[in-house]
Amino acid sequence: MATIKDVAKLAGVALSTASYALSGDHRVSAKTREKVIEAAKQLNYHKNGFAMDLKRSRTNTIALILADLSGPFYSELIRSVQEVALSNGYDLIACSSMGERDSTAVRFLREKRVDGAVVLAYNMTDEVLSASAGPNFPIIAMDRVISGEGLVSIIVDGESGGYEATRYLIDKGHRKIAYISGPSNSFANSLRYQGFLRAMKGAGLEEQAKWRLSGGFIRDGGYKATKMMLMQGELPTAIFYGNDEMAIGGLKAFEEGGIRVPEDISIIGFDDIELTEFIQPPLTTIRQPMYESGSLAGHLLFQMLNGESVNESYKLNVQIIERQSVSAPAKSNSSV
């Protein structure tokens, strides 16, 4: 990334003059200011909101950047990262990456308004993270594989989780199985889908194109995808929802359509959010260790801030949680 020194050099002015010009100081003439601003535009320079590109003092604050701040999925992650931050005498700022390149989260990274960040946001590009991270600005990237100076990745073994979920349904006797997916640009979704396909192929089964639907990892998306499936007239005997939120939306759609779970159709989710054990029927799901992964991310971030060496990547395991939303398929074919 360009620095204010680069701007000053291109504009042919002193470092202090470039700094004054970008700050709107009256001591700089309009002509010089225009020249500096034009140089900054050419270099795509972004002014550091706190350090002004000079020696940066610590803010004692870290950021947790998420794709969306709503919903129960992130609560455990936020709690675990916050606990680590507080134990180190730091504050935590949680912000959304919605808006992508124009988001507040991207500005926080580019302008170094915090001392480091934990990022779980599929809609934030690798380019932004690579350009922002460095030896003095660590970033822990979750649910993506990325490497570079100041970058560490943490992934959950979603491929194995997708395989286990699908294999569980197959072992119960299901052969007509659908996968309701999350966003197409989500690394976590792609891993779960790969696991689904591996299990299907291993059992000699094929995915049916008519059941290939997306729910975007949100409850309403799962509800709408399930409604679409109901309107098609033929149902699978089991559905693997890419996350629990979509599965909960699917449950509502089935209830409205008079389809019983698990008597008429079995469903399994992914995440094991807190709500899954309290809905009816309680949801069988794949548990990913959200609290543990958040705690790991926080500890790694502070190790890096303290100059300690860490590994470039970490992988966490998942486990199946059996509840009451899966049974053997009904003897008669499911149809509506």
C-alpha atoms as a PDB file:
ATOM      1  CA  MET A   1       0.000   0.000   0.000  1.00  0.00           C
ATOM      2  CA  ALA A   2       1.180   3.532  -0.792  1.00  0.00           C
ATOM      3  CA  THR A   3       2.458   5.677   2.091  1.00  0.00           C
ATOM      4  CA  ILE A   4       2.413   9.410   2.591  1.00  0.00           C
ATOM      5  CA  LYS A   5       6.113   9.394   1.729  1.00  0.00           C
ATOM      6  CA  ASP A   6       5.208   8.038  -1.707  1.00  0.00           C
ATOM      7  CA  VAL A   7       2.614  10.777  -2.130  1.00  0.00           C
ATOM      8  CA  ALA A   8       5.105  13.475  -1.151  1.00  0.00           C
ATOM      9  CA  LYS A   9       7.687  12.125  -3.581  1.00  0.00           C
ATOM     10  CA  LEU A  10       5.257  11.969  -6.504  1.00  0.00           C
ATOM     11  CA  ALA A  11       3.946  15.461  -5.769  1.00  0.00           C
ATOM     12  CA  GLY A  12       7.479  16.824  -5.383  1.00  0.00           C
ATOM     13  CA  VAL A  13       6.882  18.290  -1.928  1.00  0.00           C
ATOM     14  CA  ALA A  14       8.198  17.755   1.574  1.00  0.00           C
ATOM     15  CA  LEU A  15       6.678  15.041   3.767  1.00  0.00           C
ATOM     16  CA  SER A  16       5.280  17.639   6.170  1.00  0.00           C
ATOM     17  CA  THR A  17       3.744  19.608   3.287  1.00  0.00           C
ATOM     18  CA  ALA A  18       1.989  16.469   1.996  1.00  0.00           C
ATOM     19  CA  SER A  19       0.679  15.785   5.489  1.00  0.00           C
ATOM     20  CA  TYR A  20      -0.587  19.365   5.878  1.00  0.00           C
ATOM     21  CA  ALA A  21      -2.210  19.281   2.439  1.00  0.00           C
ATOM     22  CA  LEU A  22      -4.100  16.050   3.086  1.00  0.00           C
ATOM     23  CA  SER A  23      -5.273  17.407   6.434  1.00  0.00           C
ATOM     24  CA  GLY A  24      -6.628  20.587   4.839  1.00  0.00           C
ATOM     25  CA  ASP A  25      -4.183  22.836   6.675  1.00  0.00           C
ATOM     26  CA  HIS A  26      -4.474  26.521   5.636  1.00  0.00           C
ATOM     27  CA  ARG A  27      -0.675  26.871   5.472  1.00  0.00           C
ATOM     28  CA  VAL A  28      -0.670  24.971   2.168  1.00  0.00           C
ATOM     29  CA  SER A  29      -1.649  26.849  -1.008  1.00  0.00           C
ATOM     30  CA  ALA A  30      -4.585  25.668  -3.078  1.00  0.00           C
ATOM     31  CA  LYS A  31      -2.279  24.813  -5.979  1.00  0.00           C
ATOM     32  CA  THR A  32      -0.006  22.650  -3.820  1.00  0.00           C
ATOM     33  CA  ARG A  33      -2.968  20.993  -2.157  1.00  0.00           C
ATOM     34  CA  GLU A  34      -4.430  20.028  -5.535  1.00  0.00           C
ATOM     35  CA  LYS A  35      -1.075  18.587  -6.601  1.00  0.00           C
ATOM     36  CA  VAL A  36      -0.828  16.466  -3.434  1.00  0.00           C
ATOM     37  CA  ILE A  37      -4.426  15.273  -3.692  1.00  0.00           C
ATOM     38  CA  GLU A  38      -3.896  14.269  -7.319  1.00  0.00           C
ATOM     39  CA  ALA A  39      -0.781  12.310  -6.342  1.00  0.00           C
ATOM     40  CA  ALA A  40      -2.731  10.570  -3.583  1.00  0.00           C
ATOM     41  CA  LYS A  41      -5.442   9.580  -6.063  1.00  0.00           C
ATOM     42  CA  GLN A  42      -2.895   8.205  -8.530  1.00  0.00           C
ATOM     43  CA  LEU A  43      -1.345   6.061  -5.814  1.00  0.00           C
ATOM     44  CA  ASN A  44      -4.722   5.024  -4.330  1.00  0.00           C
ATOM     45  CA  TYR A  45      -3.435   6.316  -1.007  1.00  0.00           C
ATOM     46  CA  HIS A  46      -5.710   5.977   2.037  1.00  0.00           C
ATOM     47  CA  LYS A  47      -4.902   8.218   4.973  1.00  0.00           C
ATOM     48  CA  ASN A  48      -4.350   6.372   8.251  1.00  0.00           C
ATOM     49  CA  GLY A  49      -7.046   7.658  10.570  1.00  0.00           C
ATOM     50  CA  PHE A  50      -4.846   7.529  13.689  1.00  0.00           C
ATOM     51  CA  ALA A  51      -1.219   7.334  12.783  1.00  0.00           C
ATOM     52  CA  MET A  52      -1.188   9.481   9.649  1.00  0.00           C
ATOM     53  CA  ASP A  53       1.263   6.967   8.216  1.00  0.00           C
ATOM     54  CA  LEU A  54       3.936   7.948  10.746  1.00  0.00           C
ATOM     55  CA  LYS A  55       4.949   5.837  13.714  1.00  0.00           C
ATOM     56  CA  ARG A  56       1.683   4.364  14.989  1.00  0.00           C
ATOM     57  CA  SER A  57       0.910   4.085  18.682  1.00  0.00           C
ATOM     58  CA  ARG A  58      -1.363   1.265  19.791  1.00  0.00           C
ATOM     59  CA  THR A  59      -5.085   1.833  20.135  1.00  0.00           C
ATOM     60  CA  ASN A  60      -5.595  -1.052  22.597  1.00  0.00           C
ATOM     61  CA  THR A  61      -8.523  -2.098  20.414  1.00  0.00           C
ATOM     62  CA  ILE A  62      -9.017  -5.029  18.053  1.00  0.00           C
ATOM     63  CA  ALA A  63     -11.746  -5.550  15.471  1.00  0.00           C
ATOM     64  CA  LEU A  64     -13.999  -8.522  14.842  1.00  0.00           C
ATOM     65  CA  ILE A  65     -15.312  -8.258  11.287  1.00  0.00           C
ATOM     66  CA  LEU A  66     -18.305 -10.410  10.372  1.00  0.00           C
ATOM     67  CA  ALA A  67     -20.393 -10.821   7.224  1.00  0.00           C
ATOM     68  CA  ASP A  68     -23.521 -10.039   9.235  1.00  0.00           C
ATOM     69  CA  LEU A  69     -24.024  -9.042  12.865  1.00  0.00           C
ATOM     70  CA  SER A  70     -27.541 -10.483  13.074  1.00  0.00           C
ATOM     71  CA  GLY A  71     -28.596 -14.019  13.916  1.00  0.00           C
ATOM     72  CA  PRO A  72     -27.505 -16.486  16.610  1.00  0.00           C
ATOM     73  CA  PHE A  73     -24.580 -17.989  14.693  1.00  0.00           C
ATOM     74  CA  TYR A  74     -22.072 -15.321  15.684  1.00  0.00           C
ATOM     75  CA  SER A  75     -22.931 -14.952  19.379  1.00  0.00           C
ATOM     76  CA  GLU A  76     -20.483 -17.601  20.630  1.00  0.00           C
ATOM     77  CA  LEU A  77     -17.712 -16.259  18.427  1.00  0.00           C
ATOM     78  CA  ILE A  78     -18.223 -12.678  19.610  1.00  0.00           C
ATOM     79  CA  ARG A  79     -18.274 -13.780  23.247  1.00  0.00           C
ATOM     80  CA  SER A  80     -15.072 -15.803  22.987  1.00  0.00           C
ATOM     81  CA  VAL A  81     -13.079 -13.114  21.158  1.00  0.00           C
ATOM     82  CA  GLN A  82     -14.339 -10.465  23.587  1.00  0.00           C
ATOM     83  CA  GLU A  83     -13.232 -12.534  26.590  1.00  0.00           C
ATOM     84  CA  VAL A  84      -9.716 -12.828  25.180  1.00  0.00           C
ATOM     85  CA  ALA A  85      -9.596  -9.117  24.361  1.00  0.00           C
ATOM     86  CA  LEU A  86     -10.705  -8.095  27.854  1.00  0.00           C
ATOM     87  CA  SER A  87      -8.219 -10.476  29.491  1.00  0.00           C
ATOM     88  CA  ASN A  88      -5.473  -8.644  27.578  1.00  0.00           C
ATOM     89  CA  GLY A  89      -6.748  -5.189  28.540  1.00  0.00           C
ATOM     90  CA  TYR A  90      -8.129  -4.498  25.067  1.00  0.00           C
ATOM     91  CA  ASP A  91     -11.480  -3.317  23.759  1.00  0.00           C
ATOM     92  CA  LEU A  92     -13.307  -5.114  20.963  1.00  0.00           C
ATOM     93  CA  ILE A  93     -15.147  -3.481  18.087  1.00  0.00           C
ATOM     94  CA  ALA A  94     -17.484  -5.741  16.098  1.00  0.00           C
ATOM     95  CA  CYS A  95     -18.482  -4.502  12.665  1.00  0.00           C
ATOM     96  CA  SER A  96     -20.118  -5.823   9.524  1.00  0.00           C
ATOM     97  CA  SER A  97     -18.465  -6.217   6.136  1.00  0.00           C
ATOM     98  CA  MET A  98     -21.727  -5.386   4.352  1.00  0.00           C
ATOM     99  CA  GLY A  99     -20.947  -2.886   1.627  1.00  0.00           C
ATOM    100  CA  GLU A 100     -17.750  -4.768   0.822  1.00  0.00           C
ATOM    101  CA  ARG A 101     -15.122  -2.319  -0.510  1.00  0.00           C
ATOM    102  CA  ASP A 102     -17.068   0.685   0.804  1.00  0.00           C
ATOM    103  CA  SER A 103     -17.764  -0.815   4.214  1.00  0.00           C
ATOM    104  CA  THR A 104     -16.648   0.610   7.537  1.00  0.00           C
ATOM    105  CA  ALA A 105     -14.799  -2.670   8.105  1.00  0.00           C
ATOM    106  CA  VAL A 106     -12.569  -2.134   5.069  1.00  0.00           C
ATOM    107  CA  ARG A 107     -11.787   1.404   6.207  1.00  0.00           C
ATOM    108  CA  PHE A 108     -10.868   0.089   9.654  1.00  0.00           C
ATOM    109  CA  LEU A 109      -8.338  -2.241   8.060  1.00  0.00           C
ATOM    110  CA  ARG A 110      -6.915   0.177   5.525  1.00  0.00           C
ATOM    111  CA  GLU A 111      -6.598   3.062   7.966  1.00  0.00           C
ATOM    112  CA  LYS A 112      -5.317   0.845  10.797  1.00  0.00           C
ATOM    113  CA  ARG A 113      -7.885   2.183  13.254  1.00  0.00           C
ATOM    114  CA  VAL A 114      -7.329  -0.889  15.415  1.00  0.00           C
ATOM    115  CA  ASP A 115      -4.242  -2.918  16.317  1.00  0.00           C
ATOM    116  CA  GLY A 116      -5.348  -6.081  14.539  1.00  0.00           C
ATOM    117  CA  ALA A 117      -8.441  -7.967  13.428  1.00  0.00           C
ATOM    118  CA  VAL A 118     -10.262 -11.276  13.399  1.00  0.00           C
ATOM    119  CA  VAL A 119     -12.200 -11.639  10.142  1.00  0.00           C
ATOM    120  CA  LEU A 120     -15.056 -14.049   9.387  1.00  0.00           C
ATOM    121  CA  ALA A 121     -16.593 -12.493   6.290  1.00  0.00           C
ATOM    122  CA  TYR A 122     -16.939 -14.362   3.011  1.00  0.00           C
ATOM    123  CA  ASN A 123     -17.742 -11.093   1.209  1.00  0.00           C
ATOM    124  CA  MET A 124     -14.386  -9.493   2.078  1.00  0.00           C
ATOM    125  CA  THR A 125     -11.781 -10.283  -0.572  1.00  0.00           C
ATOM    126  CA  ASP A 126      -8.364 -11.852  -0.062  1.00  0.00           C
ATOM    127  CA  GLU A 127      -6.946  -8.775  -1.789  1.00  0.00           C
ATOM    128  CA  VAL A 128      -8.198  -6.464   0.963  1.00  0.00           C
ATOM    129  CA  LEU A 129      -6.833  -8.704   3.715  1.00  0.00           C
ATOM    130  CA  SER A 130      -3.440  -9.150   2.052  1.00  0.00           C
ATOM    131  CA  ALA A 131      -3.094  -5.419   1.423  1.00  0.00           C
ATOM    132  CA  SER A 132      -3.994  -4.567   5.028  1.00  0.00           C
ATOM    133  CA  ALA A 133      -2.056  -7.203   6.989  1.00  0.00           C
ATOM    134  CA  GLY A 134       1.596  -6.832   7.889  1.00  0.00           C
ATOM    135  CA  PRO A 135       4.174  -7.463  10.613  1.00  0.00           C
ATOM    136  CA  ASN A 136       2.683  -4.686  12.753  1.00  0.00           C
ATOM    137  CA  PHE A 137      -0.944  -5.353  11.835  1.00  0.00           C
ATOM    138  CA  PRO A 138      -1.947  -9.027  12.251  1.00  0.00           C
ATOM    139  CA  ILE A 139      -5.159 -10.421  10.806  1.00  0.00           C
ATOM    140  CA  ILE A 140      -6.678 -13.785  11.708  1.00  0.00           C
ATOM    141  CA  ALA A 141      -8.772 -14.950   8.750  1.00  0.00           C
ATOM    142  CA  MET A 142     -11.446 -17.511   9.580  1.00  0.00           C
ATOM    143  CA  ASP A 143     -13.116 -19.883   7.108  1.00  0.00           C
ATOM    144  CA  ARG A 144     -10.628 -19.199   4.331  1.00  0.00           C
ATOM    145  CA  VAL A 145      -7.187 -20.341   3.273  1.00  0.00           C
ATOM    146  CA  ILE A 146      -4.870 -17.371   2.860  1.00  0.00           C
ATOM    147  CA  SER A 147      -1.191 -16.768   3.521  1.00  0.00           C
ATOM    148  CA  GLY A 148       1.104 -13.782   3.696  1.00  0.00           C
ATOM    149  CA  GLU A 149       2.908 -11.533   6.102  1.00  0.00           C
ATOM    150  CA  GLY A 150       0.778 -10.839   9.149  1.00  0.00           C
ATOM    151  CA  LEU A 151      -1.896 -13.352   8.088  1.00  0.00           C
ATOM    152  CA  VAL A 152      -3.044 -16.545   9.815  1.00  0.00           C
ATOM    153  CA  SER A 153      -5.959 -18.709   8.661  1.00  0.00           C
ATOM    154  CA  ILE A 154      -8.298 -20.829  10.774  1.00  0.00           C
ATOM    155  CA  ILE A 155     -10.662 -23.234   9.056  1.00  0.00           C
ATOM    156  CA  VAL A 156     -13.213 -25.692  10.353  1.00  0.00           C
ATOM    157  CA  ASP A 157     -13.109 -29.069   8.610  1.00  0.00           C
ATOM    158  CA  GLY A 158     -16.323 -28.419   6.742  1.00  0.00           C
ATOM    159  CA  GLU A 159     -15.593 -31.012   4.066  1.00  0.00           C
ATOM    160  CA  SER A 160     -15.517 -33.778   6.667  1.00  0.00           C
ATOM    161  CA  GLY A 161     -18.601 -32.276   8.284  1.00  0.00           C
ATOM    162  CA  GLY A 162     -20.485 -32.307   4.998  1.00  0.00           C
ATOM    163  CA  TYR A 163     -19.416 -35.881   4.407  1.00  0.00           C
ATOM    164  CA  GLU A 164     -20.447 -37.003   7.908  1.00  0.00           C
ATOM    165  CA  ALA A 165     -23.864 -35.332   7.647  1.00  0.00           C
ATOM    166  CA  THR A 166     -24.607 -36.954   4.302  1.00  0.00           C
ATOM    167  CA  ARG A 167     -23.163 -40.331   5.299  1.00  0.00           C
ATOM    168  CA  TYR A 168     -25.370 -40.249   8.420  1.00  0.00           C
ATOM    169  CA  LEU A 169     -28.464 -39.843   6.239  1.00  0.00           C
ATOM    170  CA  ILE A 170     -27.306 -42.609   3.889  1.00  0.00           C
ATOM    171  CA  ASP A 171     -26.692 -44.953   6.816  1.00  0.00           C
ATOM    172  CA  LYS A 172     -30.287 -44.317   7.926  1.00  0.00           C
ATOM    173  CA  GLY A 173     -31.437 -45.657   4.564  1.00  0.00           C
ATOM    174  CA  HIS A 174     -31.897 -42.440   2.589  1.00  0.00           C
ATOM    175  CA  ARG A 175     -31.099 -42.396  -1.128  1.00  0.00           C
ATOM    176  CA  LYS A 176     -32.973 -39.288  -2.290  1.00  0.00           C
ATOM    177  CA  ILE A 177     -30.978 -36.549  -0.547  1.00  0.00           C
ATOM    178  CA  ALA A 178     -30.864 -32.817  -1.269  1.00  0.00           C
ATOM    179  CA  TYR A 179     -28.357 -30.157  -0.229  1.00  0.00           C
ATOM    180  CA  ILE A 180     -29.613 -26.608   0.428  1.00  0.00           C
ATOM    181  CA  SER A 181     -26.561 -24.408  -0.010  1.00  0.00           C
ATOM    182  CA  GLY A 182     -25.260 -21.143   1.370  1.00  0.00           C
ATOM    183  CA  PRO A 183     -23.764 -18.296  -0.706  1.00  0.00           C
ATOM    184  CA  SER A 184     -21.848 -19.449  -3.777  1.00  0.00           C
ATOM    185  CA  ASN A 185     -18.817 -17.342  -2.798  1.00  0.00           C
ATOM    186  CA  SER A 186     -18.631 -18.797   0.721  1.00  0.00           C
ATOM    187  CA  PHE A 187     -15.570 -20.987   1.332  1.00  0.00           C
ATOM    188  CA  ALA A 188     -17.379 -22.728   4.207  1.00  0.00           C
ATOM    189  CA  ASN A 189     -20.301 -23.571   1.929  1.00  0.00           C
ATOM    190  CA  SER A 190     -18.027 -24.972  -0.778  1.00  0.00           C
ATOM    191  CA  LEU A 191     -16.331 -27.290   1.728  1.00  0.00           C
ATOM    192  CA  ARG A 192     -19.664 -28.624   3.033  1.00  0.00           C
ATOM    193  CA  TYR A 193     -20.938 -29.152  -0.502  1.00  0.00           C
ATOM    194  CA  GLN A 194     -17.750 -31.015  -1.460  1.00  0.00           C
ATOM    195  CA  GLY A 195     -18.284 -33.328   1.512  1.00  0.00           C
ATOM    196  CA  PHE A 196     -21.894 -33.890   0.463  1.00  0.00           C
ATOM    197  CA  LEU A 197     -20.830 -34.818  -3.065  1.00  0.00           C
ATOM    198  CA  ARG A 198     -18.083 -37.146  -1.808  1.00  0.00           C
ATOM    199  CA  ALA A 199     -20.531 -39.069   0.366  1.00  0.00           C
ATOM    200  CA  MET A 200     -23.112 -39.272  -2.421  1.00  0.00           C
ATOM    201  CA  LYS A 201     -20.539 -40.514  -4.924  1.00  0.00           C
ATOM    202  CA  GLY A 202     -19.178 -43.043  -2.441  1.00  0.00           C
ATOM    203  CA  ALA A 203     -22.678 -44.493  -2.065  1.00  0.00           C
ATOM    204  CA  GLY A 204     -23.291 -44.562  -5.822  1.00  0.00           C
ATOM    205  CA  LEU A 205     -25.853 -41.741  -5.591  1.00  0.00           C
ATOM    206  CA  GLU A 206     -26.261 -38.647  -7.737  1.00  0.00           C
ATOM    207  CA  GLU A 207     -27.412 -35.177  -6.766  1.00  0.00           C
ATOM    208  CA  GLN A 208     -30.700 -34.241  -8.419  1.00  0.00           C
ATOM    209  CA  ALA A 209     -30.545 -30.889 -10.228  1.00  0.00           C
ATOM    210  CA  LYS A 210     -34.169 -30.101  -9.339  1.00  0.00           C
ATOM    211  CA  TRP A 211     -33.244 -30.084  -5.647  1.00  0.00           C
ATOM    212  CA  ARG A 212     -30.138 -27.926  -6.079  1.00  0.00           C
ATOM    213  CA  LEU A 213     -31.308 -24.782  -4.271  1.00  0.00           C
ATOM    214  CA  SER A 214     -29.650 -21.987  -2.282  1.00  0.00           C
ATOM    215  CA  GLY A 215     -30.800 -20.421   0.950  1.00  0.00           C
ATOM    216  CA  GLY A 216     -27.920 -17.981   1.434  1.00  0.00           C
ATOM    217  CA  PHE A 217     -27.169 -19.179   4.997  1.00  0.00           C
ATOM    218  CA  ILE A 218     -30.170 -17.220   6.364  1.00  0.00           C
ATOM    219  CA  ARG A 219     -33.422 -18.460   7.910  1.00  0.00           C
ATOM    220  CA  ASP A 220     -35.677 -16.793   5.368  1.00  0.00           C
ATOM    221  CA  GLY A 221     -33.538 -18.226   2.570  1.00  0.00           C
ATOM    222  CA  GLY A 222     -33.992 -21.745   3.927  1.00  0.00           C
ATOM    223  CA  TYR A 223     -37.725 -21.147   4.234  1.00  0.00           C
ATOM    224  CA  LYS A 224     -38.023 -19.931   0.631  1.00  0.00           C
ATOM    225  CA  ALA A 225     -35.825 -22.708  -0.796  1.00  0.00           C
ATOM    226  CA  THR A 226     -37.953 -25.298   0.994  1.00  0.00           C
ATOM    227  CA  LYS A 227     -41.152 -23.660  -0.254  1.00  0.00           C
ATOM    228  CA  MET A 228     -39.766 -23.875  -3.778  1.00  0.00           C
ATOM    229  CA  MET A 229     -39.049 -27.577  -3.263  1.00  0.00           C
ATOM    230  CA  LEU A 230     -42.584 -28.140  -2.024  1.00  0.00           C
ATOM    231  CA  MET A 231     -44.019 -26.421  -5.096  1.00  0.00           C
ATOM    232  CA  GLN A 232     -42.055 -28.751  -7.392  1.00  0.00           C
ATOM    233  CA  GLY A 233     -44.256 -31.617  -6.283  1.00  0.00           C
ATOM    234  CA  GLU A 234     -41.643 -34.263  -5.472  1.00  0.00           C
ATOM    235  CA  LEU A 235     -39.591 -34.212  -2.303  1.00  0.00           C
ATOM    236  CA  PRO A 236     -36.384 -36.001  -1.359  1.00  0.00           C
ATOM    237  CA  THR A 237     -36.543 -38.227   1.704  1.00  0.00           C
ATOM    238  CA  ALA A 238     -33.843 -36.169   3.457  1.00  0.00           C
ATOM    239  CA  ILE A 239     -32.297 -32.699   3.237  1.00  0.00           C
ATOM    240  CA  PHE A 240     -28.875 -31.555   4.380  1.00  0.00           C
ATOM    241  CA  TYR A 241     -29.125 -27.824   5.037  1.00  0.00           C
ATOM    242  CA  GLY A 242     -25.766 -26.031   4.804  1.00  0.00           C
ATOM    243  CA  ASN A 243     -26.401 -24.366   8.160  1.00  0.00           C
ATOM    244  CA  ASP A 244     -28.852 -24.506  11.055  1.00  0.00           C
ATOM    245  CA  GLU A 245     -30.496 -21.163  10.278  1.00  0.00           C
ATOM    246  CA  MET A 246     -31.681 -22.470   6.902  1.00  0.00           C
ATOM    247  CA  ALA A 247     -32.817 -25.723   8.509  1.00  0.00           C
ATOM    248  CA  ILE A 248     -34.960 -23.812  10.988  1.00  0.00           C
ATOM    249  CA  GLY A 249     -36.520 -21.896   8.088  1.00  0.00           C
ATOM    250  CA  GLY A 250     -37.119 -25.200   6.344  1.00  0.00           C
ATOM    251  CA  LEU A 251     -38.881 -26.599   9.402  1.00  0.00           C
ATOM    252  CA  LYS A 252     -41.338 -23.716   9.290  1.00  0.00           C
ATOM    253  CA  ALA A 253     -42.046 -24.322   5.599  1.00  0.00           C
ATOM    254  CA  PHE A 254     -42.668 -28.021   6.177  1.00  0.00           C
ATOM    255  CA  GLU A 255     -44.972 -27.292   9.097  1.00  0.00           C
ATOM    256  CA  GLU A 256     -47.016 -24.923   6.938  1.00  0.00           C
ATOM    257  CA  GLY A 257     -47.146 -27.548   4.182  1.00  0.00           C
ATOM    258  CA  GLY A 258     -48.328 -30.317   6.494  1.00  0.00           C
ATOM    259  CA  ILE A 259     -45.078 -32.272   6.101  1.00  0.00           C
ATOM    260  CA  ARG A 260     -43.908 -33.942   9.311  1.00  0.00           C
ATOM    261  CA  VAL A 261     -40.259 -34.028  10.387  1.00  0.00           C
ATOM    262  CA  PRO A 262     -38.870 -36.688  10.661  1.00  0.00           C
ATOM    263  CA  GLU A 263     -41.868 -38.933   9.854  1.00  0.00           C
ATOM    264  CA  ASP A 264     -42.256 -37.659   6.267  1.00  0.00           C
ATOM    265  CA  ILE A 265     -38.839 -36.128   5.669  1.00  0.00           C
ATOM    266  CA  SER A 266     -35.552 -36.016   7.597  1.00  0.00           C
ATOM    267  CA  ILE A 267     -33.390 -32.921   7.925  1.00  0.00           C
ATOM    268  CA  ILE A 268     -29.903 -32.236   9.245  1.00  0.00           C
ATOM    269  CA  GLY A 269     -28.119 -28.920   9.728  1.00  0.00           C
ATOM    270  CA  PHE A 270     -24.645 -27.574  10.359  1.00  0.00           C
ATOM    271  CA  ASP A 271     -23.241 -25.345  13.164  1.00  0.00           C
ATOM    272  CA  ASP A 272     -25.150 -26.478  16.284  1.00  0.00           C
ATOM    273  CA  ILE A 273     -26.366 -23.026  17.234  1.00  0.00           C
ATOM    274  CA  GLU A 274     -27.983 -22.840  20.665  1.00  0.00           C
ATOM    275  CA  LEU A 275     -31.536 -22.748  19.312  1.00  0.00           C
ATOM    276  CA  THR A 276     -31.316 -26.179  17.655  1.00  0.00           C
ATOM    277  CA  GLU A 277     -31.919 -28.176  20.836  1.00  0.00           C
ATOM    278  CA  PHE A 278     -35.052 -26.178  21.733  1.00  0.00           C
ATOM    279  CA  ILE A 279     -37.006 -26.315  18.451  1.00  0.00           C
ATOM    280  CA  GLN A 280     -39.445 -29.122  17.624  1.00  0.00           C
ATOM    281  CA  PRO A 281     -38.178 -31.546  16.717  1.00  0.00           C
ATOM    282  CA  PRO A 282     -34.692 -30.841  18.120  1.00  0.00           C
ATOM    283  CA  LEU A 283     -32.327 -30.609  15.159  1.00  0.00           C
ATOM    284  CA  THR A 284     -29.677 -33.196  14.340  1.00  0.00           C
ATOM    285  CA  THR A 285     -26.680 -31.205  13.174  1.00  0.00           C
ATOM    286  CA  ILE A 286     -22.930 -30.986  12.733  1.00  0.00           C
ATOM    287  CA  ARG A 287     -21.297 -29.044  15.549  1.00  0.00           C
ATOM    288  CA  GLN A 288     -18.500 -26.698  14.672  1.00  0.00           C
ATOM    289  CA  PRO A 289     -16.556 -25.298  17.647  1.00  0.00           C
ATOM    290  CA  MET A 290     -17.454 -21.618  17.340  1.00  0.00           C
ATOM    291  CA  TYR A 291     -16.439 -20.658  20.870  1.00  0.00           C
ATOM    292  CA  GLU A 292     -13.168 -22.583  20.626  1.00  0.00           C
ATOM    293  CA  SER A 293     -12.308 -21.173  17.201  1.00  0.00           C
ATOM    294  CA  GLY A 294     -13.007 -17.621  18.388  1.00  0.00           C
ATOM    295  CA  SER A 295     -10.874 -18.145  21.473  1.00  0.00           C
ATOM    296  CA  LEU A 296      -8.064 -19.565  19.341  1.00  0.00           C
ATOM    297  CA  ALA A 297      -8.296 -16.621  16.947  1.00  0.00           C
ATOM    298  CA  GLY A 298      -8.108 -14.142  19.809  1.00  0.00           C
ATOM    299  CA  HIS A 299      -5.117 -15.803  21.446  1.00  0.00           C
ATOM    300  CA  LEU A 300      -3.248 -16.051  18.140  1.00  0.00           C
ATOM    301  CA  LEU A 301      -3.880 -12.368  17.446  1.00  0.00           C
ATOM    302  CA  PHE A 302      -2.376 -11.323  20.779  1.00  0.00           C
ATOM    303  CA  GLN A 303       0.570 -13.661  20.359  1.00  0.00           C
ATOM    304  CA  MET A 304       1.314 -11.915  17.071  1.00  0.00           C
ATOM    305  CA  LEU A 305       0.853  -8.483  18.633  1.00  0.00           C
ATOM    306  CA  ASN A 306       3.417  -9.509  21.240  1.00  0.00           C
ATOM    307  CA  GLY A 307       5.895 -10.541  18.557  1.00  0.00           C
ATOM    308  CA  GLU A 308       5.532 -14.285  19.097  1.00  0.00           C
ATOM    309  CA  SER A 309       5.674 -16.706  16.175  1.00  0.00           C
ATOM    310  CA  VAL A 310       2.609 -18.775  15.265  1.00  0.00           C
ATOM    311  CA  ASN A 311       1.688 -21.267  12.557  1.00  0.00           C
ATOM    312  CA  GLU A 312       0.322 -20.040   9.248  1.00  0.00           C
ATOM    313  CA  SER A 313      -2.871 -22.100   9.435  1.00  0.00           C
ATOM    314  CA  TYR A 314      -5.022 -24.137  11.816  1.00  0.00           C
ATOM    315  CA  LYS A 315      -7.815 -26.678  11.198  1.00  0.00           C
ATOM    316  CA  LEU A 316     -10.519 -27.559  13.736  1.00  0.00           C
ATOM    317  CA  ASN A 317     -12.611 -30.727  13.772  1.00  0.00           C
ATOM    318  CA  VAL A 318     -16.395 -31.098  13.799  1.00  0.00           C
ATOM    319  CA  GLN A 319     -18.741 -33.673  15.317  1.00  0.00           C
ATOM    320  CA  ILE A 320     -22.251 -34.892  14.650  1.00  0.00           C
ATOM    321  CA  ILE A 321     -24.908 -34.106  17.254  1.00  0.00           C
ATOM    322  CA  GLU A 322     -27.790 -36.598  17.093  1.00  0.00           C
ATOM    323  CA  ARG A 323     -31.200 -35.302  18.067  1.00  0.00           C
ATOM    324  CA  GLN A 324     -34.662 -36.054  16.657  1.00  0.00           C
ATOM    325  CA  SER A 325     -34.961 -34.626  13.131  1.00  0.00           C
ATOM    326  CA  VAL A 326     -33.663 -37.710  11.289  1.00  0.00           C
ATOM    327  CA  SER A 327     -35.232 -41.153  10.974  1.00  0.00           C
ATOM    328  CA  ALA A 328     -35.360 -43.924   8.380  1.00  0.00           C
ATOM    329  CA  PRO A 329     -37.242 -42.915   5.222  1.00  0.00           C
ATOM    330  CA  ALA A 330     -40.950 -43.556   4.996  1.00  0.00           C
ATOM    331  CA  LYS A 331     -41.812 -46.675   3.017  1.00  0.00           C
ATOM    332  CA  SER A 332     -43.926 -44.767   0.508  1.00  0.00           C
ATOM    333  CA  ASN A 333     -42.318 -42.179  -1.768  1.00  0.00           C
ATOM    334  CA  SER A 334     -42.661 -38.602  -0.488  1.00  0.00           C
ATOM    335  CA  SER A 335     -44.748 -36.467  -2.786  1.00  0.00           C
ATOM    336  CA  VAL A 336     -47.023 -33.458  -2.479  1.00  0.00           C
END
